[in-house]
Every structure is written in C-alpha cells, then in structure tokens.
Amino acid sequence: MRTATEIVKGIRQTEKSTRLAKHDQYLVEVALDANKIEIRHAIEQLFAVKVVQVNTQRGHGKWRLLRYRWGRRPDWKKAFVTLAAGQKIEVKT
C-alpha cells in the first residue's frame, strides 16, 4: 500500500485551476499508475476534505531536440478533484 504523498505529487497552480477553485474543484498532479479510488483516499487523508468526484487525464511527454539528439519529456497525469460544497484546500502561492 502506497502512502498518500506517493500518490499526490502536488497541487497545480494555473489560470484554469484558479477558475475551477471557485467551483470547489482543484487540479492535482498525481502518480502515473494511481487510480481514481487511490486519489480520492489520498486527497481526503492529506487535506481532511470530502471528495465528491475525481476525473483524471494523462499527458504524454513531448519530443524535443536536446542539443543534437532527440529527447522526450516525461509523461504525467493530473486529476480534477471536486470537493463537497463549502470545502476548500488552502493553497499557498
């Protein structure tokens, strides 16, 4: 069993995530092999909130020319976490 900090890598701070926070939704960067149930339990454990819904999205790393070779950025996964009405995650900027 993995710990919550191994599943949740951090809260993403973007313009879109700032707009979503008004609707009790947060954008969380998670481990590639984490599923929705693990993400839900990890968020509830770390931030002491009630999670209503979790939607995930995978991103594939882009190919980039690094000096004279082709390299690839790492793949990543993010989760859109919807909290119960009135609950918030305090994010320090």
PDB file of N, CA and C in Angstrom:
ATOM      1  N   MET A   1       0.846  -1.184   0.000  1.00  0.00           N
ATOM      2  CA  MET A   1       0.000   0.000   0.000  1.00  0.00           C
ATOM      3  C   MET A   1       0.886   1.240   0.000  1.00  0.00           C
ATOM      4  N   ARG A   2       0.621   2.136  -0.937  1.00  0.00           N
ATOM      5  CA  ARG A   2       1.411   3.364  -1.032  1.00  0.00           C
ATOM      6  C   ARG A   2       0.856   4.426  -0.096  1.00  0.00           C
ATOM      7  N   THR A   3       1.720   5.340   0.288  1.00  0.00           N
ATOM      8  CA  THR A   3       1.279   6.447   1.130  1.00  0.00           C
ATOM      9  C   THR A   3       0.619   7.518   0.261  1.00  0.00           C
ATOM     10  N   ALA A   4      -0.102   8.412   0.925  1.00  0.00           N
ATOM     11  CA  ALA A   4      -0.813   9.476   0.208  1.00  0.00           C
ATOM     12  C   ALA A   4       0.158  10.422  -0.488  1.00  0.00           C
ATOM     13  N   THR A   5       1.321  10.644   0.098  1.00  0.00           N
ATOM     14  CA  THR A   5       2.292  11.549  -0.511  1.00  0.00           C
ATOM     15  C   THR A   5       2.968  10.945  -1.736  1.00  0.00           C
ATOM     16  N   GLU A   6       2.939   9.625  -1.872  1.00  0.00           N
ATOM     17  CA  GLU A   6       3.464   8.990  -3.079  1.00  0.00           C
ATOM     18  C   GLU A   6       2.466   9.090  -4.225  1.00  0.00           C
ATOM     19  N   ILE A   7       1.185   9.167  -3.904  1.00  0.00           N
ATOM     20  CA  ILE A   7       0.148   9.260  -4.929  1.00  0.00           C
ATOM     21  C   ILE A   7      -0.030  10.698  -5.397  1.00  0.00           C
ATOM     22  N   VAL A   8      -0.141  11.621  -4.457  1.00  0.00           N
ATOM     23  CA  VAL A   8      -0.358  13.036  -4.782  1.00  0.00           C
ATOM     24  C   VAL A   8       0.990  13.734  -4.797  1.00  0.00           C
ATOM     25  N   LYS A   9       1.355  14.274  -5.966  1.00  0.00           N
ATOM     26  CA  LYS A   9       2.637  14.970  -6.086  1.00  0.00           C
ATOM     27  C   LYS A   9       2.519  16.445  -5.752  1.00  0.00           C
ATOM     28  N   GLY A  10       1.355  17.029  -5.973  1.00  0.00           N
ATOM     29  CA  GLY A  10       1.184  18.441  -5.654  1.00  0.00           C
ATOM     30  C   GLY A  10      -0.050  19.022  -6.306  1.00  0.00           C
ATOM     31  N   ILE A  11      -0.375  20.239  -5.902  1.00  0.00           N
ATOM     32  CA  ILE A  11      -1.495  20.979  -6.468  1.00  0.00           C
ATOM     33  C   ILE A  11      -0.944  21.839  -7.605  1.00  0.00           C
ATOM     34  N   ARG A  12      -1.574  21.784  -8.777  1.00  0.00           N
ATOM     35  CA  ARG A  12      -1.128  22.580  -9.924  1.00  0.00           C
ATOM     36  C   ARG A  12      -1.717  23.975  -9.839  1.00  0.00           C
ATOM     37  N   GLN A  13      -0.888  24.991 -10.014  1.00  0.00           N
ATOM     38  CA  GLN A  13      -1.314  26.388  -9.994  1.00  0.00           C
ATOM     39  C   GLN A  13      -1.294  26.925 -11.421  1.00  0.00           C
ATOM     40  N   THR A  14      -2.455  26.978 -12.056  1.00  0.00           N
ATOM     41  CA  THR A  14      -2.577  27.526 -13.398  1.00  0.00           C
ATOM     42  C   THR A  14      -3.773  28.467 -13.423  1.00  0.00           C
ATOM     43  N   GLU A  15      -3.963  29.147 -14.530  1.00  0.00           N
ATOM     44  CA  GLU A  15      -5.124  30.021 -14.657  1.00  0.00           C
ATOM     45  C   GLU A  15      -6.416  29.212 -14.613  1.00  0.00           C
ATOM     46  N   LYS A  16      -6.414  28.075 -15.273  1.00  0.00           N
ATOM     47  CA  LYS A  16      -7.604  27.238 -15.289  1.00  0.00           C
ATOM     48  C   LYS A  16      -7.920  26.710 -13.894  1.00  0.00           C
ATOM     49  N   SER A  17      -6.897  26.282 -13.149  1.00  0.00           N
ATOM     50  CA  SER A  17      -7.149  25.758 -11.808  1.00  0.00           C
ATOM     51  C   SER A  17      -7.646  26.846 -10.862  1.00  0.00           C
ATOM     52  N   THR A  18      -7.245  28.081 -11.084  1.00  0.00           N
ATOM     53  CA  THR A  18      -7.746  29.190 -10.275  1.00  0.00           C
ATOM     54  C   THR A  18      -9.232  29.422 -10.540  1.00  0.00           C
ATOM     55  N   ARG A  19      -9.632  29.317 -11.803  1.00  0.00           N
ATOM     56  CA  ARG A  19     -11.061  29.447 -12.131  1.00  0.00           C
ATOM     57  C   ARG A  19     -11.869  28.290 -11.551  1.00  0.00           C
ATOM     58  N   LEU A  20     -11.310  27.085 -11.596  1.00  0.00           N
ATOM     59  CA  LEU A  20     -12.020  25.914 -11.088  1.00  0.00           C
ATOM     60  C   LEU A  20     -12.186  25.950  -9.572  1.00  0.00           C
ATOM     61  N   ALA A  21     -11.268  26.601  -8.871  1.00  0.00           N
ATOM     62  CA  ALA A  21     -11.331  26.651  -7.408  1.00  0.00           C
ATOM     63  C   ALA A  21     -12.589  27.369  -6.920  1.00  0.00           C
ATOM     64  N   LYS A  22     -13.134  28.249  -7.732  1.00  0.00           N
ATOM     65  CA  LYS A  22     -14.371  28.932  -7.356  1.00  0.00           C
ATOM     66  C   LYS A  22     -15.550  27.965  -7.317  1.00  0.00           C
ATOM     67  N   HIS A  23     -15.427  26.841  -8.034  1.00  0.00           N
ATOM     68  CA  HIS A  23     -16.486  25.836  -8.095  1.00  0.00           C
ATOM     69  C   HIS A  23     -16.132  24.596  -7.277  1.00  0.00           C
ATOM     70  N   ASP A  24     -15.254  24.747  -6.300  1.00  0.00           N
ATOM     71  CA  ASP A  24     -14.819  23.658  -5.404  1.00  0.00           C
ATOM     72  C   ASP A  24     -14.129  22.525  -6.160  1.00  0.00           C
ATOM     73  N   GLN A  25     -13.416  22.855  -7.246  1.00  0.00           N
ATOM     74  CA  GLN A  25     -12.637  21.870  -7.989  1.00  0.00           C
ATOM     75  C   GLN A  25     -11.168  22.270  -7.936  1.00  0.00           C
ATOM     76  N   TYR A  26     -10.306  21.281  -7.825  1.00  0.00           N
ATOM     77  CA  TYR A  26      -8.874  21.532  -7.746  1.00  0.00           C
ATOM     78  C   TYR A  26      -8.138  20.623  -8.712  1.00  0.00           C
ATOM     79  N   LEU A  27      -7.036  21.107  -9.234  1.00  0.00           N
ATOM     80  CA  LEU A  27      -6.207  20.378 -10.185  1.00  0.00           C
ATOM     81  C   LEU A  27      -4.993  19.840  -9.432  1.00  0.00           C
ATOM     82  N   VAL A  28      -4.853  18.508  -9.418  1.00  0.00           N
ATOM     83  CA  VAL A  28      -3.827  17.852  -8.625  1.00  0.00           C
ATOM     84  C   VAL A  28      -2.955  17.004  -9.536  1.00  0.00           C
ATOM     85  N   GLU A  29      -1.642  17.121  -9.380  1.00  0.00           N
ATOM     86  CA  GLU A  29      -0.719  16.269 -10.121  1.00  0.00           C
ATOM     87  C   GLU A  29      -0.529  14.981  -9.330  1.00  0.00           C
ATOM     88  N   VAL A  30      -0.710  13.840  -9.997  1.00  0.00           N
ATOM     89  CA  VAL A  30      -0.687  12.548  -9.311  1.00  0.00           C
ATOM     90  C   VAL A  30       0.274  11.583 -10.003  1.00  0.00           C
ATOM     91  N   ALA A  31       0.517  10.449  -9.358  1.00  0.00           N
ATOM     92  CA  ALA A  31       1.378   9.410  -9.924  1.00  0.00           C
ATOM     93  C   ALA A  31       0.719   8.795 -11.154  1.00  0.00           C
ATOM     94  N   LEU A  32       1.527   8.358 -12.101  1.00  0.00           N
ATOM     95  CA  LEU A  32       1.017   7.814 -13.360  1.00  0.00           C
ATOM     96  C   LEU A  32       0.141   6.576 -13.168  1.00  0.00           C
ATOM     97  N   ASP A  33       0.471   5.734 -12.202  1.00  0.00           N
ATOM     98  CA  ASP A  33      -0.263   4.489 -12.035  1.00  0.00           C
ATOM     99  C   ASP A  33      -1.351   4.565 -10.967  1.00  0.00           C
ATOM    100  N   ALA A  34      -1.672   5.770 -10.485  1.00  0.00           N
ATOM    101  CA  ALA A  34      -2.713   5.928  -9.471  1.00  0.00           C
ATOM    102  C   ALA A  34      -4.086   5.891 -10.118  1.00  0.00           C
ATOM    103  N   ASN A  35      -5.030   5.203  -9.464  1.00  0.00           N
ATOM    104  CA  ASN A  35      -6.389   5.184  -9.982  1.00  0.00           C
ATOM    105  C   ASN A  35      -7.261   6.162  -9.187  1.00  0.00           C
ATOM    106  N   LYS A  36      -8.517   6.306  -9.599  1.00  0.00           N
ATOM    107  CA  LYS A  36      -9.393   7.316  -9.005  1.00  0.00           C
ATOM    108  C   LYS A  36      -9.681   7.045  -7.528  1.00  0.00           C
ATOM    109  N   ILE A  37      -9.806   5.785  -7.166  1.00  0.00           N
ATOM    110  CA  ILE A  37     -10.088   5.440  -5.772  1.00  0.00           C
ATOM    111  C   ILE A  37      -8.903   5.805  -4.882  1.00  0.00           C
ATOM    112  N   GLU A  38      -7.685   5.483  -5.330  1.00  0.00           N
ATOM    113  CA  GLU A  38      -6.488   5.835  -4.570  1.00  0.00           C
ATOM    114  C   GLU A  38      -6.339   7.353  -4.445  1.00  0.00           C
ATOM    115  N   ILE A  39      -6.637   8.074  -5.515  1.00  0.00           N
ATOM    116  CA  ILE A  39      -6.536   9.534  -5.490  1.00  0.00           C
ATOM    117  C   ILE A  39      -7.534  10.113  -4.495  1.00  0.00           C
ATOM    118  N   ARG A  40      -8.764   9.591  -4.509  1.00  0.00           N
ATOM    119  CA  ARG A  40      -9.798  10.062  -3.576  1.00  0.00           C
ATOM    120  C   ARG A  40      -9.363   9.876  -2.121  1.00  0.00           C
ATOM    121  N   HIS A  41      -8.875   8.692  -1.779  1.00  0.00           N
ATOM    122  CA  HIS A  41      -8.458   8.423  -0.407  1.00  0.00           C
ATOM    123  C   HIS A  41      -7.254   9.278  -0.007  1.00  0.00           C
ATOM    124  N   ALA A  42      -6.326   9.477  -0.937  1.00  0.00           N
ATOM    125  CA  ALA A  42      -5.136  10.271  -0.635  1.00  0.00           C
ATOM    126  C   ALA A  42      -5.492  11.730  -0.376  1.00  0.00           C
ATOM    127  N   ILE A  43      -6.381  12.311  -1.193  1.00  0.00           N
ATOM    128  CA  ILE A  43      -6.792  13.706  -1.011  1.00  0.00           C
ATOM    129  C   ILE A  43      -7.542  13.870   0.308  1.00  0.00           C
ATOM    130  N   GLU A  44      -8.444  12.939   0.607  1.00  0.00           N
ATOM    131  CA  GLU A  44      -9.196  13.020   1.856  1.00  0.00           C
ATOM    132  C   GLU A  44      -8.282  12.899   3.059  1.00  0.00           C
ATOM    133  N   GLN A  45      -7.254  12.073   2.965  1.00  0.00           N
ATOM    134  CA  GLN A  45      -6.325  11.891   4.071  1.00  0.00           C
ATOM    135  C   GLN A  45      -5.400  13.103   4.237  1.00  0.00           C
ATOM    136  N   LEU A  46      -4.884  13.635   3.144  1.00  0.00           N
ATOM    137  CA  LEU A  46      -3.922  14.735   3.233  1.00  0.00           C
ATOM    138  C   LEU A  46      -4.553  16.062   3.642  1.00  0.00           C
ATOM    139  N   PHE A  47      -5.727  16.367   3.103  1.00  0.00           N
ATOM    140  CA  PHE A  47      -6.306  17.692   3.290  1.00  0.00           C
ATOM    141  C   PHE A  47      -7.549  17.708   4.177  1.00  0.00           C
ATOM    142  N   ALA A  48      -7.993  16.564   4.678  1.00  0.00           N
ATOM    143  CA  ALA A  48      -9.159  16.454   5.561  1.00  0.00           C
ATOM    144  C   ALA A  48     -10.391  17.096   4.940  1.00  0.00           C
ATOM    145  N   VAL A  49     -10.719  16.688   3.717  1.00  0.00           N
ATOM    146  CA  VAL A  49     -11.889  17.185   2.998  1.00  0.00           C
ATOM    147  C   VAL A  49     -12.684  15.988   2.469  1.00  0.00           C
ATOM    148  N   LYS A  50     -13.904  16.247   2.021  1.00  0.00           N
ATOM    149  CA  LYS A  50     -14.751  15.213   1.444  1.00  0.00           C
ATOM    150  C   LYS A  50     -14.730  15.354  -0.075  1.00  0.00           C
ATOM    151  N   VAL A  51     -14.248  14.329  -0.770  1.00  0.00           N
ATOM    152  CA  VAL A  51     -14.157  14.337  -2.227  1.00  0.00           C
ATOM    153  C   VAL A  51     -15.443  13.758  -2.805  1.00  0.00           C
ATOM    154  N   VAL A  52     -16.052  14.491  -3.732  1.00  0.00           N
ATOM    155  CA  VAL A  52     -17.288  14.058  -4.379  1.00  0.00           C
ATOM    156  C   VAL A  52     -16.987  13.311  -5.669  1.00  0.00           C
ATOM    157  N   GLN A  53     -16.032  13.821  -6.470  1.00  0.00           N
ATOM    158  CA  GLN A  53     -15.763  13.237  -7.786  1.00  0.00           C
ATOM    159  C   GLN A  53     -14.304  13.433  -8.153  1.00  0.00           C
ATOM    160  N   VAL A  54     -13.752  12.474  -8.894  1.00  0.00           N
ATOM    161  CA  VAL A  54     -12.379  12.553  -9.395  1.00  0.00           C
ATOM    162  C   VAL A  54     -12.392  12.231 -10.887  1.00  0.00           C
ATOM    163  N   ASN A  55     -11.853  13.135 -11.701  1.00  0.00           N
ATOM    164  CA  ASN A  55     -11.664  12.909 -13.130  1.00  0.00           C
ATOM    165  C   ASN A  55     -10.169  12.987 -13.410  1.00  0.00           C
ATOM    166  N   THR A  56      -9.655  12.063 -14.207  1.00  0.00           N
ATOM    167  CA  THR A  56      -8.220  12.029 -14.473  1.00  0.00           C
ATOM    168  C   THR A  56      -7.942  12.270 -15.948  1.00  0.00           C
ATOM    169  N   GLN A  57      -6.717  12.720 -16.197  1.00  0.00           N
ATOM    170  CA  GLN A  57      -6.277  12.972 -17.565  1.00  0.00           C
ATOM    171  C   GLN A  57      -4.782  12.710 -17.650  1.00  0.00           C
ATOM    172  N   ARG A  58      -4.368  11.953 -18.662  1.00  0.00           N
ATOM    173  CA  ARG A  58      -2.947  11.657 -18.871  1.00  0.00           C
ATOM    174  C   ARG A  58      -2.387  12.567 -19.947  1.00  0.00           C
ATOM    175  N   GLY A  59      -1.161  13.003 -19.729  1.00  0.00           N
ATOM    176  CA  GLY A  59      -0.455  13.786 -20.725  1.00  0.00           C
ATOM    177  C   GLY A  59       0.802  13.050 -21.141  1.00  0.00           C
ATOM    178  N   HIS A  60       1.083  13.068 -22.412  1.00  0.00           N
ATOM    179  CA  HIS A  60       2.264  12.389 -22.920  1.00  0.00           C
ATOM    180  C   HIS A  60       3.365  13.413 -23.162  1.00  0.00           C
ATOM    181  N   GLY A  61       4.577  13.059 -22.757  1.00  0.00           N
ATOM    182  CA  GLY A  61       5.711  13.955 -22.909  1.00  0.00           C
ATOM    183  C   GLY A  61       6.024  14.251 -24.362  1.00  0.00           C
ATOM    184  N   LYS A  62       6.383  15.491 -24.609  1.00  0.00           N
ATOM    185  CA  LYS A  62       6.683  15.910 -25.979  1.00  0.00           C
ATOM    186  C   LYS A  62       8.109  15.526 -26.361  1.00  0.00           C
ATOM    187  N   TRP A  63       8.296  15.292 -27.638  1.00  0.00           N
ATOM    188  CA  TRP A  63       9.638  15.066 -28.161  1.00  0.00           C
ATOM    189  C   TRP A  63      10.308  16.425 -28.375  1.00  0.00           C
ATOM    190  N   ARG A  64      11.528  16.567 -27.901  1.00  0.00           N
ATOM    191  CA  ARG A  64      12.278  17.809 -28.015  1.00  0.00           C
ATOM    192  C   ARG A  64      13.685  17.517 -28.506  1.00  0.00           C
ATOM    193  N   LEU A  65      14.220  18.479 -29.239  1.00  0.00           N
ATOM    194  CA  LEU A  65      15.599  18.369 -29.696  1.00  0.00           C
ATOM    195  C   LEU A  65      16.487  18.930 -28.597  1.00  0.00           C
ATOM    196  N   LEU A  66      17.283  18.058 -27.984  1.00  0.00           N
ATOM    197  CA  LEU A  66      18.188  18.446 -26.909  1.00  0.00           C
ATOM    198  C   LEU A  66      19.615  18.381 -27.439  1.00  0.00           C
ATOM    199  N   ARG A  67      20.166  19.528 -27.666  1.00  0.00           N
ATOM    200  CA  ARG A  67      21.467  19.663 -28.298  1.00  0.00           C
ATOM    201  C   ARG A  67      21.412  19.056 -29.690  1.00  0.00           C
ATOM    202  N   TYR A  68      22.006  17.896 -29.909  1.00  0.00           N
ATOM    203  CA  TYR A  68      21.968  17.284 -31.231  1.00  0.00           C
ATOM    204  C   TYR A  68      21.232  15.950 -31.219  1.00  0.00           C
ATOM    205  N   ARG A  69      20.482  15.693 -30.160  1.00  0.00           N
ATOM    206  CA  ARG A  69      19.745  14.434 -30.039  1.00  0.00           C
ATOM    207  C   ARG A  69      18.287  14.728 -29.743  1.00  0.00           C
ATOM    208  N   TRP A  70      17.469  13.752 -30.045  1.00  0.00           N
ATOM    209  CA  TRP A  70      16.075  13.860 -29.678  1.00  0.00           C
ATOM    210  C   TRP A  70      15.882  13.272 -28.298  1.00  0.00           C
ATOM    211  N   GLY A  71      15.196  14.012 -27.445  1.00  0.00           N
ATOM    212  CA  GLY A  71      14.868  13.538 -26.108  1.00  0.00           C
ATOM    213  C   GLY A  71      13.384  13.716 -25.878  1.00  0.00           C
ATOM    214  N   ARG A  72      12.897  13.125 -24.824  1.00  0.00           N
ATOM    215  CA  ARG A  72      11.471  13.180 -24.563  1.00  0.00           C
ATOM    216  C   ARG A  72      11.218  13.618 -23.134  1.00  0.00           C
ATOM    217  N   ARG A  73      10.274  14.530 -22.955  1.00  0.00           N
ATOM    218  CA  ARG A  73       9.856  14.940 -21.618  1.00  0.00           C
ATOM    219  C   ARG A  73       9.048  13.804 -20.989  1.00  0.00           C
ATOM    220  N   PRO A  74       9.005  13.753 -19.670  1.00  0.00           N
ATOM    221  CA  PRO A  74       8.286  12.637 -19.036  1.00  0.00           C
ATOM    222  C   PRO A  74       6.771  12.758 -19.187  1.00  0.00           C
ATOM    223  N   ASP A  75       6.089  11.598 -19.181  1.00  0.00           N
ATOM    224  CA  ASP A  75       4.633  11.574 -19.170  1.00  0.00           C
ATOM    225  C   ASP A  75       4.156  12.038 -17.798  1.00  0.00           C
ATOM    226  N   TRP A  76       2.903  12.502 -17.723  1.00  0.00           N
ATOM    227  CA  TRP A  76       2.359  12.991 -16.474  1.00  0.00           C
ATOM    228  C   TRP A  76       0.870  12.700 -16.412  1.00  0.00           C
ATOM    229  N   LYS A  77       0.327  12.828 -15.216  1.00  0.00           N
ATOM    230  CA  LYS A  77      -1.092  12.583 -15.017  1.00  0.00           C
ATOM    231  C   LYS A  77      -1.626  13.619 -14.049  1.00  0.00           C
ATOM    232  N   LYS A  78      -2.813  14.147 -14.364  1.00  0.00           N
ATOM    233  CA  LYS A  78      -3.430  15.115 -13.470  1.00  0.00           C
ATOM    234  C   LYS A  78      -4.848  14.680 -13.172  1.00  0.00           C
ATOM    235  N   ALA A  79      -5.347  15.122 -12.021  1.00  0.00           N
ATOM    236  CA  ALA A  79      -6.693  14.774 -11.596  1.00  0.00           C
ATOM    237  C   ALA A  79      -7.458  16.044 -11.266  1.00  0.00           C
ATOM    238  N   PHE A  80      -8.691  16.112 -11.753  1.00  0.00           N
ATOM    239  CA  PHE A  80      -9.601  17.194 -11.396  1.00  0.00           C
ATOM    240  C   PHE A  80     -10.444  16.670 -10.237  1.00  0.00           C
ATOM    241  N   VAL A  81     -10.240  17.234  -9.056  1.00  0.00           N
ATOM    242  CA  VAL A  81     -10.894  16.751  -7.843  1.00  0.00           C
ATOM    243  C   VAL A  81     -11.999  17.727  -7.453  1.00  0.00           C
ATOM    244  N   THR A  82     -13.232  17.222  -7.364  1.00  0.00           N
ATOM    245  CA  THR A  82     -14.368  18.032  -6.948  1.00  0.00           C
ATOM    246  C   THR A  82     -14.650  17.739  -5.480  1.00  0.00           C
ATOM    247  N   LEU A  83     -14.706  18.799  -4.672  1.00  0.00           N
ATOM    248  CA  LEU A  83     -14.959  18.652  -3.241  1.00  0.00           C
ATOM    249  C   LEU A  83     -16.426  18.905  -2.934  1.00  0.00           C
ATOM    250  N   ALA A  84     -16.835  18.510  -1.742  1.00  0.00           N
ATOM    251  CA  ALA A  84     -18.195  18.779  -1.291  1.00  0.00           C
ATOM    252  C   ALA A  84     -18.384  20.285  -1.170  1.00  0.00           C
ATOM    253  N   ALA A  85     -19.633  20.720  -1.264  1.00  0.00           N
ATOM    254  CA  ALA A  85     -19.934  22.161  -1.248  1.00  0.00           C
ATOM    255  C   ALA A  85     -19.419  22.807   0.031  1.00  0.00           C
ATOM    256  N   GLY A  86     -18.737  23.932  -0.137  1.00  0.00           N
ATOM    257  CA  GLY A  86     -18.237  24.697   1.006  1.00  0.00           C
ATOM    258  C   GLY A  86     -16.870  24.278   1.510  1.00  0.00           C
ATOM    259  N   GLN A  87     -16.295  23.194   1.008  1.00  0.00           N
ATOM    260  CA  GLN A  87     -14.978  22.761   1.465  1.00  0.00           C
ATOM    261  C   GLN A  87     -13.916  23.301   0.530  1.00  0.00           C
ATOM    262  N   LYS A  88     -12.733  23.574   1.114  1.00  0.00           N
ATOM    263  CA  LYS A  88     -11.643  24.152   0.336  1.00  0.00           C
ATOM    264  C   LYS A  88     -10.326  23.527   0.722  1.00  0.00           C
ATOM    265  N   ILE A  89      -9.378  23.591  -0.192  1.00  0.00           N
ATOM    266  CA  ILE A  89      -7.990  23.224   0.070  1.00  0.00           C
ATOM    267  C   ILE A  89      -7.198  24.516   0.076  1.00  0.00           C
ATOM    268  N   GLU A  90      -6.513  24.786   1.163  1.00  0.00           N
ATOM    269  CA  GLU A  90      -5.719  26.013   1.272  1.00  0.00           C
ATOM    270  C   GLU A  90      -4.437  25.841   0.466  1.00  0.00           C
ATOM    271  N   VAL A  91      -4.259  26.677  -0.542  1.00  0.00           N
ATOM    272  CA  VAL A  91      -3.089  26.621  -1.416  1.00  0.00           C
ATOM    273  C   VAL A  91      -2.276  27.891  -1.194  1.00  0.00           C
ATOM    274  N   LYS A  92      -1.015  27.715  -0.828  1.00  0.00           N
ATOM    275  CA  LYS A  92      -0.131  28.868  -0.638  1.00  0.00           C
ATOM    276  C   LYS A  92       0.535  29.198  -1.966  1.00  0.00           C
ATOM    277  N   THR A  93       0.544  30.469  -2.321  1.00  0.00           N
ATOM    278  CA  THR A  93       1.171  30.874  -3.577  1.00  0.00           C
ATOM    279  C   THR A  93       2.561  31.386  -3.372  1.00  0.00           C
TER     280      THR A  93
END
